[in-house]
Amino acid sequence: MKLSIDQAKELVLDILLNAGLDQPNANAVMETIVSGEIDGCASHGLWRTLGCVSTLKNGKVIPDAQPKIKDLAPGLLAVDAQGGFSPLAFEAGLPLLQKKARAQGIAAMAINHCVHFSALWAEIEKLTDADLVAMAFTPSHAWVAPAGGQSPVFGTNPMAFGWPRKNFPPFIFDFATSEVARGEIQLHRREGKTIPEGWGIDRAGNACTDAAEVIDHGAMLTFGGHKGSALAAMIELIAGPLIGDLTSAESLEYDRGTNSSPYHGELLIAFNPQGFLGASTEDNLQRAEVLFDSIVGQGARLPSQRRYAAREQSLAQGLNISDSLYQDLINLR
C-alpha cells in the first residue's frame, strides 16, 4: 500500500485520537511514529501505532498527561511525563535542555514516569540540529538474558549518540544492546518467519529460531556477549536508579502481562562544543570531518547513512507499507 506522508500522518493521528489520546499527546506520538517510517525503519514506524493503541486500551498510559518540568540545577533538569507517552515530555523539556547545555557546556535531562515505544534517533537529531553533541539511554521491559544466563534481566536498552555536521546530515547511531530490536523479532513472528540464530534462546536456554518461543517463553540475547551485557547493565543503572526510575524488570512487573509498551525513564546528555573549545571550535569540528572522510573514503558506511537515503526516497516518493499492516490500521481508524 502506498501512502503520502500527509496521508500517513492523518491516518495515525485519527487512530490515536479515536483511541483516546488528547491532541497534544497524539500530535507528538504521531510525529515520532511517522518519522520512523519515513526513515525506512519498519520496526519503529507505522507498526508502532498498534502497540500504542493496545497500551491505551490496557490502561497503561495516561491519555491526557501534561508533563511537568523540574529545574534541578544549572546543568540538570527532569521532566515528569505523568504517565504519558515520552514524546510530549521530550518536547516539553527540550528548550531548557538546549539552553542549559549552551550556558554550562554540558547538561542532562531525565524523563521520568514515561511510556516509551520509540527509537532514540529522532530525539538526538533535535539536539544535533541545535549544534549540540548528544547521548540518550533508556531501559525497556526485561526481555534480554545477561551473557552466560538464560533468564531475562535486561531490556533491549538502547543507546544513541549524535554529532552535528555543517554540510552533511549529523553522525548518529542508535542501537539496542540486544542483538536486535525486539520489534524485529515481533515482525518476524507477525509474518511467520524464523529468526536468525543468535537473536534469542528458548525456555531451556538453547539457541532458538522460533520467534514465538523467544518472545513468549525464552529470552533475547545481548550483542557482543559480555560486552553488550555490560552496556545493558550500565543503561539499567544510569537510566533507572540514577534518575529515580524503574529498571526493566520493574517495568515488566508494572506491565502485569498486558504486553503494553514499557514504563520507565530516559536520560539525555547534551554537550556544547563551544563550551569546551571556545575560539578553536571550528578547527576541532573540522578534525572530526577528517575522521568521517577516512571512514567513507574506503567504502565504509557511516551509521544512519541508509536511514538518510530512505528519508530522501520517502520525501520524494511517499511511503510503502504492507497491505496487512494497512488493513490493521484502517480497522482502528
C-alpha atoms as a PDB file:
ATOM      1  CA  MET A   1       0.000   0.000   0.000  1.00  0.00           C
ATOM      2  CA  LYS A   2       1.416   3.395  -0.982  1.00  0.00           C
ATOM      3  CA  LEU A   3       0.706   6.457   1.184  1.00  0.00           C
ATOM      4  CA  SER A   4       1.835  10.035   1.001  1.00  0.00           C
ATOM      5  CA  ILE A   5       3.464  11.341   4.148  1.00  0.00           C
ATOM      6  CA  ASP A   6       0.457  13.586   4.760  1.00  0.00           C
ATOM      7  CA  GLN A   7      -1.893  10.613   4.391  1.00  0.00           C
ATOM      8  CA  ALA A   8       0.188   8.612   6.861  1.00  0.00           C
ATOM      9  CA  LYS A   9       0.140  11.456   9.373  1.00  0.00           C
ATOM     10  CA  GLU A  10      -3.608  11.888   9.024  1.00  0.00           C
ATOM     11  CA  LEU A  11      -4.204   8.145   9.407  1.00  0.00           C
ATOM     12  CA  VAL A  12      -2.053   7.758  12.517  1.00  0.00           C
ATOM     13  CA  LEU A  13      -3.421  10.918  14.112  1.00  0.00           C
ATOM     14  CA  ASP A  14      -7.023   9.814  13.517  1.00  0.00           C
ATOM     15  CA  ILE A  15      -6.277   6.442  15.094  1.00  0.00           C
ATOM     16  CA  LEU A  16      -4.615   7.926  18.167  1.00  0.00           C
ATOM     17  CA  LEU A  17      -7.362  10.472  18.737  1.00  0.00           C
ATOM     18  CA  ASN A  18     -10.017   7.796  18.252  1.00  0.00           C
ATOM     19  CA  ALA A  19      -8.191   5.625  20.811  1.00  0.00           C
ATOM     20  CA  GLY A  20      -8.420   8.402  23.393  1.00  0.00           C
ATOM     21  CA  LEU A  21      -5.188  10.416  23.281  1.00  0.00           C
ATOM     22  CA  ASP A  22      -5.668  14.142  23.632  1.00  0.00           C
ATOM     23  CA  GLN A  23      -4.456  16.416  20.833  1.00  0.00           C
ATOM     24  CA  PRO A  24      -1.014  17.403  22.228  1.00  0.00           C
ATOM     25  CA  ASN A  25      -0.047  13.808  23.034  1.00  0.00           C
ATOM     26  CA  ALA A  26      -1.476  12.481  19.780  1.00  0.00           C
ATOM     27  CA  ASN A  27       0.465  15.030  17.728  1.00  0.00           C
ATOM     28  CA  ALA A  28       3.750  14.230  19.455  1.00  0.00           C
ATOM     29  CA  VAL A  29       3.297  10.451  19.173  1.00  0.00           C
ATOM     30  CA  MET A  30       2.208  10.689  15.539  1.00  0.00           C
ATOM     31  CA  GLU A  31       5.270  12.727  14.515  1.00  0.00           C
ATOM     32  CA  THR A  32       7.558  10.189  16.175  1.00  0.00           C
ATOM     33  CA  ILE A  33       5.857   7.206  14.529  1.00  0.00           C
ATOM     34  CA  VAL A  34       5.778   8.711  11.049  1.00  0.00           C
ATOM     35  CA  SER A  35       9.399   9.835  11.281  1.00  0.00           C
ATOM     36  CA  GLY A  36      10.382   6.210  11.864  1.00  0.00           C
ATOM     37  CA  GLU A  37       8.504   5.111   8.744  1.00  0.00           C
ATOM     38  CA  ILE A  38       9.965   7.949   6.684  1.00  0.00           C
ATOM     39  CA  ASP A  39      13.446   6.819   7.661  1.00  0.00           C
ATOM     40  CA  GLY A  40      12.763   3.280   6.477  1.00  0.00           C
ATOM     41  CA  CYS A  41      12.669   1.634   9.897  1.00  0.00           C
ATOM     42  CA  ALA A  42       9.564  -0.529   9.773  1.00  0.00           C
ATOM     43  CA  SER A  43      10.029  -1.818  13.328  1.00  0.00           C
ATOM     44  CA  HIS A  44       9.721   1.760  14.646  1.00  0.00           C
ATOM     45  CA  GLY A  45       7.318   3.127  12.051  1.00  0.00           C
ATOM     46  CA  LEU A  46       3.573   2.903  11.475  1.00  0.00           C
ATOM     47  CA  TRP A  47       3.508  -0.574  13.014  1.00  0.00           C
ATOM     48  CA  ARG A  48       4.152   1.067  16.403  1.00  0.00           C
ATOM     49  CA  THR A  49       0.675   2.617  16.211  1.00  0.00           C
ATOM     50  CA  LEU A  50      -0.802  -0.788  17.026  1.00  0.00           C
ATOM     51  CA  GLY A  51       1.231  -1.021  20.234  1.00  0.00           C
ATOM     52  CA  CYS A  52       0.318   2.495  21.298  1.00  0.00           C
ATOM     53  CA  VAL A  53      -3.388   1.760  20.874  1.00  0.00           C
ATOM     54  CA  SER A  54      -3.068  -1.512  22.761  1.00  0.00           C
ATOM     55  CA  THR A  55      -1.248   0.259  25.609  1.00  0.00           C
ATOM     56  CA  LEU A  56      -4.072   2.808  25.772  1.00  0.00           C
ATOM     57  CA  LYS A  57      -6.728   0.107  25.842  1.00  0.00           C
ATOM     58  CA  ASN A  58      -4.851  -1.696  28.621  1.00  0.00           C
ATOM     59  CA  GLY A  59      -4.910   1.452  30.746  1.00  0.00           C
ATOM     60  CA  LYS A  60      -1.103   1.576  30.938  1.00  0.00           C
ATOM     61  CA  VAL A  61      -0.693   5.159  29.716  1.00  0.00           C
ATOM     62  CA  ILE A  62      -2.359   8.432  30.706  1.00  0.00           C
ATOM     63  CA  PRO A  63      -4.018   9.773  27.527  1.00  0.00           C
ATOM     64  CA  ASP A  64      -4.073  13.434  28.570  1.00  0.00           C
ATOM     65  CA  ALA A  65      -0.848  13.600  30.587  1.00  0.00           C
ATOM     66  CA  GLN A  66       0.687  17.051  30.975  1.00  0.00           C
ATOM     67  CA  PRO A  67       4.468  16.870  31.523  1.00  0.00           C
ATOM     68  CA  LYS A  68       5.942  18.872  34.393  1.00  0.00           C
ATOM     69  CA  ILE A  69       9.447  20.333  34.225  1.00  0.00           C
ATOM     70  CA  LYS A  70      11.710  20.411  37.285  1.00  0.00           C
ATOM     71  CA  ASP A  71      14.726  22.736  37.140  1.00  0.00           C
ATOM     72  CA  LEU A  72      17.138  20.828  39.391  1.00  0.00           C
ATOM     73  CA  ALA A  73      20.465  22.634  38.955  1.00  0.00           C
ATOM     74  CA  PRO A  74      22.354  24.805  36.430  1.00  0.00           C
ATOM     75  CA  GLY A  75      23.146  21.721  34.350  1.00  0.00           C
ATOM     76  CA  LEU A  76      20.283  19.416  35.310  1.00  0.00           C
ATOM     77  CA  LEU A  77      16.563  19.158  34.698  1.00  0.00           C
ATOM     78  CA  ALA A  78      13.912  16.477  34.935  1.00  0.00           C
ATOM     79  CA  VAL A  79      10.609  16.165  33.125  1.00  0.00           C
ATOM     80  CA  ASP A  80       7.868  14.158  34.788  1.00  0.00           C
ATOM     81  CA  ALA A  81       5.844  12.665  31.948  1.00  0.00           C
ATOM     82  CA  GLN A  82       2.998  11.991  34.413  1.00  0.00           C
ATOM     83  CA  GLY A  83       2.450   8.525  32.980  1.00  0.00           C
ATOM     84  CA  GLY A  84       2.104   9.697  29.385  1.00  0.00           C
ATOM     85  CA  PHE A  85       3.937   8.678  26.242  1.00  0.00           C
ATOM     86  CA  SER A  86       7.508  10.001  26.151  1.00  0.00           C
ATOM     87  CA  PRO A  87       7.471  12.244  23.008  1.00  0.00           C
ATOM     88  CA  LEU A  88       5.470  15.077  24.586  1.00  0.00           C
ATOM     89  CA  ALA A  89       7.682  15.057  27.682  1.00  0.00           C
ATOM     90  CA  PHE A  90      10.777  15.268  25.492  1.00  0.00           C
ATOM     91  CA  GLU A  91       9.288  18.183  23.557  1.00  0.00           C
ATOM     92  CA  ALA A  92       8.470  19.957  26.813  1.00  0.00           C
ATOM     93  CA  GLY A  93      11.991  19.710  28.214  1.00  0.00           C
ATOM     94  CA  LEU A  94      13.984  20.192  25.000  1.00  0.00           C
ATOM     95  CA  PRO A  95      14.222  24.018  25.024  1.00  0.00           C
ATOM     96  CA  LEU A  96      15.528  24.124  28.609  1.00  0.00           C
ATOM     97  CA  LEU A  97      17.988  21.297  27.967  1.00  0.00           C
ATOM     98  CA  GLN A  98      19.384  23.188  24.983  1.00  0.00           C
ATOM     99  CA  LYS A  99      19.591  26.412  26.975  1.00  0.00           C
ATOM    100  CA  LYS A 100      21.415  24.763  29.877  1.00  0.00           C
ATOM    101  CA  ALA A 101      23.865  22.966  27.575  1.00  0.00           C
ATOM    102  CA  ARG A 102      24.761  26.199  25.819  1.00  0.00           C
ATOM    103  CA  ALA A 103      25.238  28.019  29.110  1.00  0.00           C
ATOM    104  CA  GLN A 104      27.079  25.300  31.057  1.00  0.00           C
ATOM    105  CA  GLY A 105      28.840  23.391  28.282  1.00  0.00           C
ATOM    106  CA  ILE A 106      27.081  20.185  29.327  1.00  0.00           C
ATOM    107  CA  ALA A 107      23.596  19.432  30.650  1.00  0.00           C
ATOM    108  CA  ALA A 108      21.497  16.372  31.394  1.00  0.00           C
ATOM    109  CA  MET A 109      17.760  15.782  31.298  1.00  0.00           C
ATOM    110  CA  ALA A 110      15.902  12.935  32.940  1.00  0.00           C
ATOM    111  CA  ILE A 111      12.471  11.972  31.666  1.00  0.00           C
ATOM    112  CA  ASN A 112      10.560  10.148  34.397  1.00  0.00           C
ATOM    113  CA  HIS A 113       7.338   8.129  34.536  1.00  0.00           C
ATOM    114  CA  CYS A 114       7.010   7.827  30.773  1.00  0.00           C
ATOM    115  CA  VAL A 115       5.707   5.143  28.454  1.00  0.00           C
ATOM    116  CA  HIS A 116       8.421   4.612  25.857  1.00  0.00           C
ATOM    117  CA  PHE A 117       7.921   2.992  22.450  1.00  0.00           C
ATOM    118  CA  SER A 118      10.167   4.880  20.053  1.00  0.00           C
ATOM    119  CA  ALA A 119      13.673   4.936  18.647  1.00  0.00           C
ATOM    120  CA  LEU A 120      16.053   7.498  20.124  1.00  0.00           C
ATOM    121  CA  TRP A 121      17.455   8.973  16.921  1.00  0.00           C
ATOM    122  CA  ALA A 122      14.515  11.359  16.481  1.00  0.00           C
ATOM    123  CA  GLU A 123      15.322  12.963  19.838  1.00  0.00           C
ATOM    124  CA  ILE A 124      19.061  13.009  19.221  1.00  0.00           C
ATOM    125  CA  GLU A 125      18.548  14.738  15.880  1.00  0.00           C
ATOM    126  CA  LYS A 126      16.650  17.566  17.586  1.00  0.00           C
ATOM    127  CA  LEU A 127      19.805  18.201  19.627  1.00  0.00           C
ATOM    128  CA  THR A 128      22.291  17.924  16.753  1.00  0.00           C
ATOM    129  CA  ASP A 129      20.080  20.353  14.800  1.00  0.00           C
ATOM    130  CA  ALA A 130      20.872  22.805  17.618  1.00  0.00           C
ATOM    131  CA  ASP A 131      24.640  22.185  17.108  1.00  0.00           C
ATOM    132  CA  LEU A 132      24.905  20.068  20.243  1.00  0.00           C
ATOM    133  CA  VAL A 133      26.574  16.704  20.709  1.00  0.00           C
ATOM    134  CA  ALA A 134      24.118  14.351  22.388  1.00  0.00           C
ATOM    135  CA  MET A 135      23.629  10.961  24.028  1.00  0.00           C
ATOM    136  CA  ALA A 136      20.491   9.137  25.158  1.00  0.00           C
ATOM    137  CA  PHE A 137      19.843   5.978  27.170  1.00  0.00           C
ATOM    138  CA  THR A 138      16.702   4.109  28.185  1.00  0.00           C
ATOM    139  CA  PRO A 139      15.764   0.647  29.516  1.00  0.00           C
ATOM    140  CA  SER A 140      12.609  -1.236  28.484  1.00  0.00           C
ATOM    141  CA  HIS A 141      10.974  -4.470  29.714  1.00  0.00           C
ATOM    142  CA  ALA A 142      13.102  -7.381  30.958  1.00  0.00           C
ATOM    143  CA  TRP A 143      13.298  -9.427  27.771  1.00  0.00           C
ATOM    144  CA  VAL A 144      17.057  -9.992  27.473  1.00  0.00           C
ATOM    145  CA  ALA A 145      19.245 -12.510  29.261  1.00  0.00           C
ATOM    146  CA  PRO A 146      22.685 -11.452  30.555  1.00  0.00           C
ATOM    147  CA  ALA A 147      25.728 -13.076  28.971  1.00  0.00           C
ATOM    148  CA  GLY A 148      26.059 -16.583  30.397  1.00  0.00           C
ATOM    149  CA  GLY A 149      22.486 -16.611  31.717  1.00  0.00           C
ATOM    150  CA  GLN A 150      19.152 -17.786  30.373  1.00  0.00           C
ATOM    151  CA  SER A 151      16.537 -15.705  32.201  1.00  0.00           C
ATOM    152  CA  PRO A 152      15.548 -12.173  31.126  1.00  0.00           C
ATOM    153  CA  VAL A 153      17.025  -9.380  33.258  1.00  0.00           C
ATOM    154  CA  PHE A 154      17.742  -6.503  30.890  1.00  0.00           C
ATOM    155  CA  GLY A 155      15.605  -4.636  28.452  1.00  0.00           C
ATOM    156  CA  THR A 156      16.703  -4.083  24.872  1.00  0.00           C
ATOM    157  CA  ASN A 157      18.272  -0.998  26.466  1.00  0.00           C
ATOM    158  CA  PRO A 158      19.087   1.223  23.500  1.00  0.00           C
ATOM    159  CA  MET A 159      21.687   3.960  23.467  1.00  0.00           C
ATOM    160  CA  ALA A 160      22.167   6.710  20.931  1.00  0.00           C
ATOM    161  CA  PHE A 161      24.836   9.287  20.088  1.00  0.00           C
ATOM    162  CA  GLY A 162      24.767  12.294  17.787  1.00  0.00           C
ATOM    163  CA  TRP A 163      27.415  14.639  16.374  1.00  0.00           C
ATOM    164  CA  PRO A 164      26.372  17.754  14.396  1.00  0.00           C
ATOM    165  CA  ARG A 165      27.922  18.391  10.964  1.00  0.00           C
ATOM    166  CA  LYS A 166      27.730  21.591   8.939  1.00  0.00           C
ATOM    167  CA  ASN A 167      27.458  20.385   5.368  1.00  0.00           C
ATOM    168  CA  PHE A 168      26.175  16.874   5.951  1.00  0.00           C
ATOM    169  CA  PRO A 169      23.444  15.185   7.972  1.00  0.00           C
ATOM    170  CA  PRO A 170      24.526  14.540  11.571  1.00  0.00           C
ATOM    171  CA  PHE A 171      26.519  11.487  12.567  1.00  0.00           C
ATOM    172  CA  ILE A 172      24.027   9.471  14.624  1.00  0.00           C
ATOM    173  CA  PHE A 173      23.940   5.930  15.834  1.00  0.00           C
ATOM    174  CA  ASP A 174      21.061   4.379  17.726  1.00  0.00           C
ATOM    175  CA  PHE A 175      21.141   0.723  18.628  1.00  0.00           C
ATOM    176  CA  ALA A 176      19.812  -1.700  21.170  1.00  0.00           C
ATOM    177  CA  THR A 177      22.267  -3.513  23.401  1.00  0.00           C
ATOM    178  CA  SER A 178      20.320  -6.650  22.492  1.00  0.00           C
ATOM    179  CA  GLU A 179      21.414  -8.430  19.324  1.00  0.00           C
ATOM    180  CA  VAL A 180      18.390  -6.976  17.560  1.00  0.00           C
ATOM    181  CA  ALA A 181      15.478  -4.695  18.419  1.00  0.00           C
ATOM    182  CA  ARG A 182      12.504  -6.603  19.848  1.00  0.00           C
ATOM    183  CA  GLY A 183      10.340  -5.135  17.113  1.00  0.00           C
ATOM    184  CA  GLU A 184      12.342  -7.072  14.533  1.00  0.00           C
ATOM    185  CA  ILE A 185      11.502 -10.375  16.249  1.00  0.00           C
ATOM    186  CA  GLN A 186       7.863  -9.336  16.567  1.00  0.00           C
ATOM    187  CA  LEU A 187       7.714  -8.542  12.850  1.00  0.00           C
ATOM    188  CA  HIS A 188       9.190 -11.961  12.041  1.00  0.00           C
ATOM    189  CA  ARG A 189       6.521 -13.551  14.225  1.00  0.00           C
ATOM    190  CA  ARG A 190       3.797 -11.487  12.564  1.00  0.00           C
ATOM    191  CA  GLU A 191       4.974 -12.613   9.111  1.00  0.00           C
ATOM    192  CA  GLY A 192       5.508 -16.255  10.115  1.00  0.00           C
ATOM    193  CA  LYS A 193       9.263 -16.150   9.543  1.00  0.00           C
ATOM    194  CA  THR A 194      12.034 -17.805  11.517  1.00  0.00           C
ATOM    195  CA  ILE A 195      14.672 -15.592  13.130  1.00  0.00           C
ATOM    196  CA  PRO A 196      18.453 -15.979  12.714  1.00  0.00           C
ATOM    197  CA  GLU A 197      20.415 -17.862  15.349  1.00  0.00           C
ATOM    198  CA  GLY A 198      21.926 -15.536  17.909  1.00  0.00           C
ATOM    199  CA  TRP A 199      18.842 -13.373  18.347  1.00  0.00           C
ATOM    200  CA  GLY A 200      17.341 -15.403  21.160  1.00  0.00           C
ATOM    201  CA  ILE A 201      17.108 -18.584  23.196  1.00  0.00           C
ATOM    202  CA  ASP A 202      14.269 -20.892  24.167  1.00  0.00           C
ATOM    203  CA  ARG A 203      12.940 -21.565  27.662  1.00  0.00           C
ATOM    204  CA  ALA A 204      15.752 -24.071  28.301  1.00  0.00           C
ATOM    205  CA  GLY A 205      18.466 -21.637  27.265  1.00  0.00           C
ATOM    206  CA  ASN A 206      19.143 -23.259  23.891  1.00  0.00           C
ATOM    207  CA  ALA A 207      19.670 -21.383  20.626  1.00  0.00           C
ATOM    208  CA  CYS A 208      16.277 -20.768  19.024  1.00  0.00           C
ATOM    209  CA  THR A 209      14.980 -19.583  15.651  1.00  0.00           C
ATOM    210  CA  ASP A 210      11.280 -19.646  16.607  1.00  0.00           C
ATOM    211  CA  ALA A 211      10.198 -16.028  17.113  1.00  0.00           C
ATOM    212  CA  ALA A 212       7.141 -17.003  19.180  1.00  0.00           C
ATOM    213  CA  GLU A 213       9.181 -19.195  21.532  1.00  0.00           C
ATOM    214  CA  VAL A 214      11.752 -16.455  22.123  1.00  0.00           C
ATOM    215  CA  ILE A 215       9.072 -13.841  22.779  1.00  0.00           C
ATOM    216  CA  ASP A 216       6.682 -15.923  24.881  1.00  0.00           C
ATOM    217  CA  HIS A 217       8.936 -18.274  26.825  1.00  0.00           C
ATOM    218  CA  GLY A 218      12.624 -17.667  26.147  1.00  0.00           C
ATOM    219  CA  ALA A 219      14.835 -14.602  26.113  1.00  0.00           C
ATOM    220  CA  MET A 220      16.602 -12.301  23.716  1.00  0.00           C
ATOM    221  CA  LEU A 221      20.402 -12.058  23.705  1.00  0.00           C
ATOM    222  CA  THR A 222      22.769  -9.118  24.007  1.00  0.00           C
ATOM    223  CA  PHE A 223      25.073  -8.244  21.131  1.00  0.00           C
ATOM    224  CA  GLY A 224      28.758  -8.976  21.592  1.00  0.00           C
ATOM    225  CA  GLY A 225      28.276 -11.357  24.502  1.00  0.00           C
ATOM    226  CA  HIS A 226      29.671  -9.957  27.733  1.00  0.00           C
ATOM    227  CA  LYS A 227      30.372  -6.524  26.196  1.00  0.00           C
ATOM    228  CA  GLY A 228      26.763  -5.894  25.247  1.00  0.00           C
ATOM    229  CA  SER A 229      25.709  -7.338  28.593  1.00  0.00           C
ATOM    230  CA  ALA A 230      27.891  -4.822  30.456  1.00  0.00           C
ATOM    231  CA  LEU A 231      26.494  -1.924  28.429  1.00  0.00           C
ATOM    232  CA  ALA A 232      22.954  -3.133  29.116  1.00  0.00           C
ATOM    233  CA  ALA A 233      23.695  -3.169  32.846  1.00  0.00           C
ATOM    234  CA  MET A 234      25.130   0.357  32.645  1.00  0.00           C
ATOM    235  CA  ILE A 235      21.959   1.622  30.981  1.00  0.00           C
ATOM    236  CA  GLU A 236      19.800  -0.074  33.609  1.00  0.00           C
ATOM    237  CA  LEU A 237      21.717   1.897  36.240  1.00  0.00           C
ATOM    238  CA  ILE A 238      22.065   5.359  34.698  1.00  0.00           C
ATOM    239  CA  ALA A 239      18.543   5.454  33.247  1.00  0.00           C
ATOM    240  CA  GLY A 240      16.975   3.677  36.221  1.00  0.00           C
ATOM    241  CA  PRO A 241      18.194   4.109  39.808  1.00  0.00           C
ATOM    242  CA  LEU A 242      20.370   7.150  38.951  1.00  0.00           C
ATOM    243  CA  ILE A 243      17.311   9.154  37.879  1.00  0.00           C
ATOM    244  CA  GLY A 244      14.903   7.521  40.337  1.00  0.00           C
ATOM    245  CA  ASP A 245      13.038   5.445  37.798  1.00  0.00           C
ATOM    246  CA  LEU A 246      12.269   1.800  37.053  1.00  0.00           C
ATOM    247  CA  THR A 247      14.600  -0.920  35.866  1.00  0.00           C
ATOM    248  CA  SER A 248      13.490  -3.182  33.026  1.00  0.00           C
ATOM    249  CA  ALA A 249      12.456  -5.900  35.485  1.00  0.00           C
ATOM    250  CA  GLU A 250      10.374  -3.386  37.452  1.00  0.00           C
ATOM    251  CA  SER A 251       8.815  -2.097  34.245  1.00  0.00           C
ATOM    252  CA  LEU A 252       7.814  -5.624  33.252  1.00  0.00           C
ATOM    253  CA  GLU A 253       6.277  -6.157  36.703  1.00  0.00           C
ATOM    254  CA  TYR A 254       4.266  -2.951  36.255  1.00  0.00           C
ATOM    255  CA  ASP A 255       3.027  -4.266  32.909  1.00  0.00           C
ATOM    256  CA  ARG A 256       1.479  -7.355  34.586  1.00  0.00           C
ATOM    257  CA  GLY A 257       1.247  -9.393  31.408  1.00  0.00           C
ATOM    258  CA  THR A 258      -0.661  -6.878  29.282  1.00  0.00           C
ATOM    259  CA  ASN A 259       2.106  -6.653  26.630  1.00  0.00           C
ATOM    260  CA  SER A 260       1.966  -2.870  26.785  1.00  0.00           C
ATOM    261  CA  SER A 261       4.827  -0.531  25.968  1.00  0.00           C
ATOM    262  CA  PRO A 262       7.492  -0.213  28.703  1.00  0.00           C
ATOM    263  CA  TYR A 263       7.039   2.269  31.552  1.00  0.00           C
ATOM    264  CA  HIS A 264      10.271   3.744  32.919  1.00  0.00           C
ATOM    265  CA  GLY A 265      12.634   6.696  32.394  1.00  0.00           C
ATOM    266  CA  GLU A 266      15.202   8.088  29.989  1.00  0.00           C
ATOM    267  CA  LEU A 267      18.462  10.003  30.401  1.00  0.00           C
ATOM    268  CA  LEU A 268      19.697  12.505  27.814  1.00  0.00           C
ATOM    269  CA  ILE A 269      23.028  14.319  27.922  1.00  0.00           C
ATOM    270  CA  ALA A 270      23.847  17.306  25.702  1.00  0.00           C
ATOM    271  CA  PHE A 271      27.310  18.798  25.132  1.00  0.00           C
ATOM    272  CA  ASN A 272      28.045  22.236  23.697  1.00  0.00           C
ATOM    273  CA  PRO A 273      31.308  22.029  21.702  1.00  0.00           C
ATOM    274  CA  GLN A 274      31.887  25.766  22.120  1.00  0.00           C
ATOM    275  CA  GLY A 275      31.809  25.372  25.880  1.00  0.00           C
ATOM    276  CA  PHE A 276      34.843  23.091  25.675  1.00  0.00           C
ATOM    277  CA  LEU A 277      36.620  24.670  22.718  1.00  0.00           C
ATOM    278  CA  GLY A 278      35.795  28.385  22.536  1.00  0.00           C
ATOM    279  CA  ALA A 279      37.587  30.038  19.634  1.00  0.00           C
ATOM    280  CA  SER A 280      39.009  26.723  18.418  1.00  0.00           C
ATOM    281  CA  THR A 281      35.589  25.153  17.886  1.00  0.00           C
ATOM    282  CA  GLU A 282      35.596  25.253  14.084  1.00  0.00           C
ATOM    283  CA  ASP A 283      39.137  23.871  13.823  1.00  0.00           C
ATOM    284  CA  ASN A 284      38.286  20.913  16.008  1.00  0.00           C
ATOM    285  CA  LEU A 285      34.982  20.201  14.278  1.00  0.00           C
ATOM    286  CA  GLN A 286      36.927  20.092  11.017  1.00  0.00           C
ATOM    287  CA  ARG A 287      39.207  17.463  12.547  1.00  0.00           C
ATOM    288  CA  ALA A 288      36.086  15.387  13.073  1.00  0.00           C
ATOM    289  CA  GLU A 289      35.326  15.691   9.360  1.00  0.00           C
ATOM    290  CA  VAL A 290      38.757  14.205   8.610  1.00  0.00           C
ATOM    291  CA  LEU A 291      37.739  11.199  10.700  1.00  0.00           C
ATOM    292  CA  PHE A 292      34.456  10.784   8.815  1.00  0.00           C
ATOM    293  CA  ASP A 293      36.244  11.151   5.460  1.00  0.00           C
ATOM    294  CA  SER A 294      38.687   8.425   6.439  1.00  0.00           C
ATOM    295  CA  ILE A 295      35.740   6.089   7.052  1.00  0.00           C
ATOM    296  CA  VAL A 296      33.670   6.719   3.937  1.00  0.00           C
ATOM    297  CA  GLY A 297      36.780   7.197   1.808  1.00  0.00           C
ATOM    298  CA  GLN A 298      37.487   3.474   1.984  1.00  0.00           C
ATOM    299  CA  GLY A 299      33.932   2.473   1.130  1.00  0.00           C
ATOM    300  CA  ALA A 300      32.656   2.010   4.675  1.00  0.00           C
ATOM    301  CA  ARG A 301      29.266   3.338   5.705  1.00  0.00           C
ATOM    302  CA  LEU A 302      28.570   5.807   8.480  1.00  0.00           C
ATOM    303  CA  PRO A 303      25.695   4.973  10.832  1.00  0.00           C
ATOM    304  CA  SER A 304      22.401   6.482   9.634  1.00  0.00           C
ATOM    305  CA  GLN A 305      23.526   6.843   6.003  1.00  0.00           C
ATOM    306  CA  ARG A 306      20.997   4.205   4.976  1.00  0.00           C
ATOM    307  CA  ARG A 307      18.346   5.949   7.063  1.00  0.00           C
ATOM    308  CA  TYR A 308      19.043   9.304   5.416  1.00  0.00           C
ATOM    309  CA  ALA A 309      18.835   7.688   1.983  1.00  0.00           C
ATOM    310  CA  ALA A 310      15.474   6.156   2.917  1.00  0.00           C
ATOM    311  CA  ARG A 311      14.318   9.573   4.110  1.00  0.00           C
ATOM    312  CA  GLU A 312      15.153  11.182   0.779  1.00  0.00           C
ATOM    313  CA  GLN A 313      13.269   8.466  -1.056  1.00  0.00           C
ATOM    314  CA  SER A 314      10.247   8.749   1.235  1.00  0.00           C
ATOM    315  CA  LEU A 315      10.100  12.518   0.902  1.00  0.00           C
ATOM    316  CA  ALA A 316      10.220  12.183  -2.881  1.00  0.00           C
ATOM    317  CA  GLN A 317       8.038   9.110  -3.421  1.00  0.00           C
ATOM    318  CA  GLY A 318       5.919   8.593  -0.315  1.00  0.00           C
ATOM    319  CA  LEU A 319       5.674   5.517   1.900  1.00  0.00           C
ATOM    320  CA  ASN A 320       5.141   1.828   1.135  1.00  0.00           C
ATOM    321  CA  ILE A 321       3.612  -0.349   3.850  1.00  0.00           C
ATOM    322  CA  SER A 322       2.325  -3.899   3.740  1.00  0.00           C
ATOM    323  CA  ASP A 323      -1.316  -4.478   2.873  1.00  0.00           C
ATOM    324  CA  SER A 324      -1.843  -6.382   6.116  1.00  0.00           C
ATOM    325  CA  LEU A 325      -0.499  -3.528   8.253  1.00  0.00           C
ATOM    326  CA  TYR A 326      -2.570  -1.005   6.335  1.00  0.00           C
ATOM    327  CA  GLN A 327      -5.704  -3.064   6.958  1.00  0.00           C
ATOM    328  CA  ASP A 328      -4.894  -3.344  10.666  1.00  0.00           C
ATOM    329  CA  LEU A 329      -4.523   0.426  10.823  1.00  0.00           C
ATOM    330  CA  ILE A 330      -7.736   1.075   8.901  1.00  0.00           C
ATOM    331  CA  ASN A 331      -9.588  -1.193  11.340  1.00  0.00           C
ATOM    332  CA  LEU A 332      -8.518   1.102  14.189  1.00  0.00           C
ATOM    333  CA  ARG A 333      -9.444   4.357  12.487  1.00  0.00           C
END
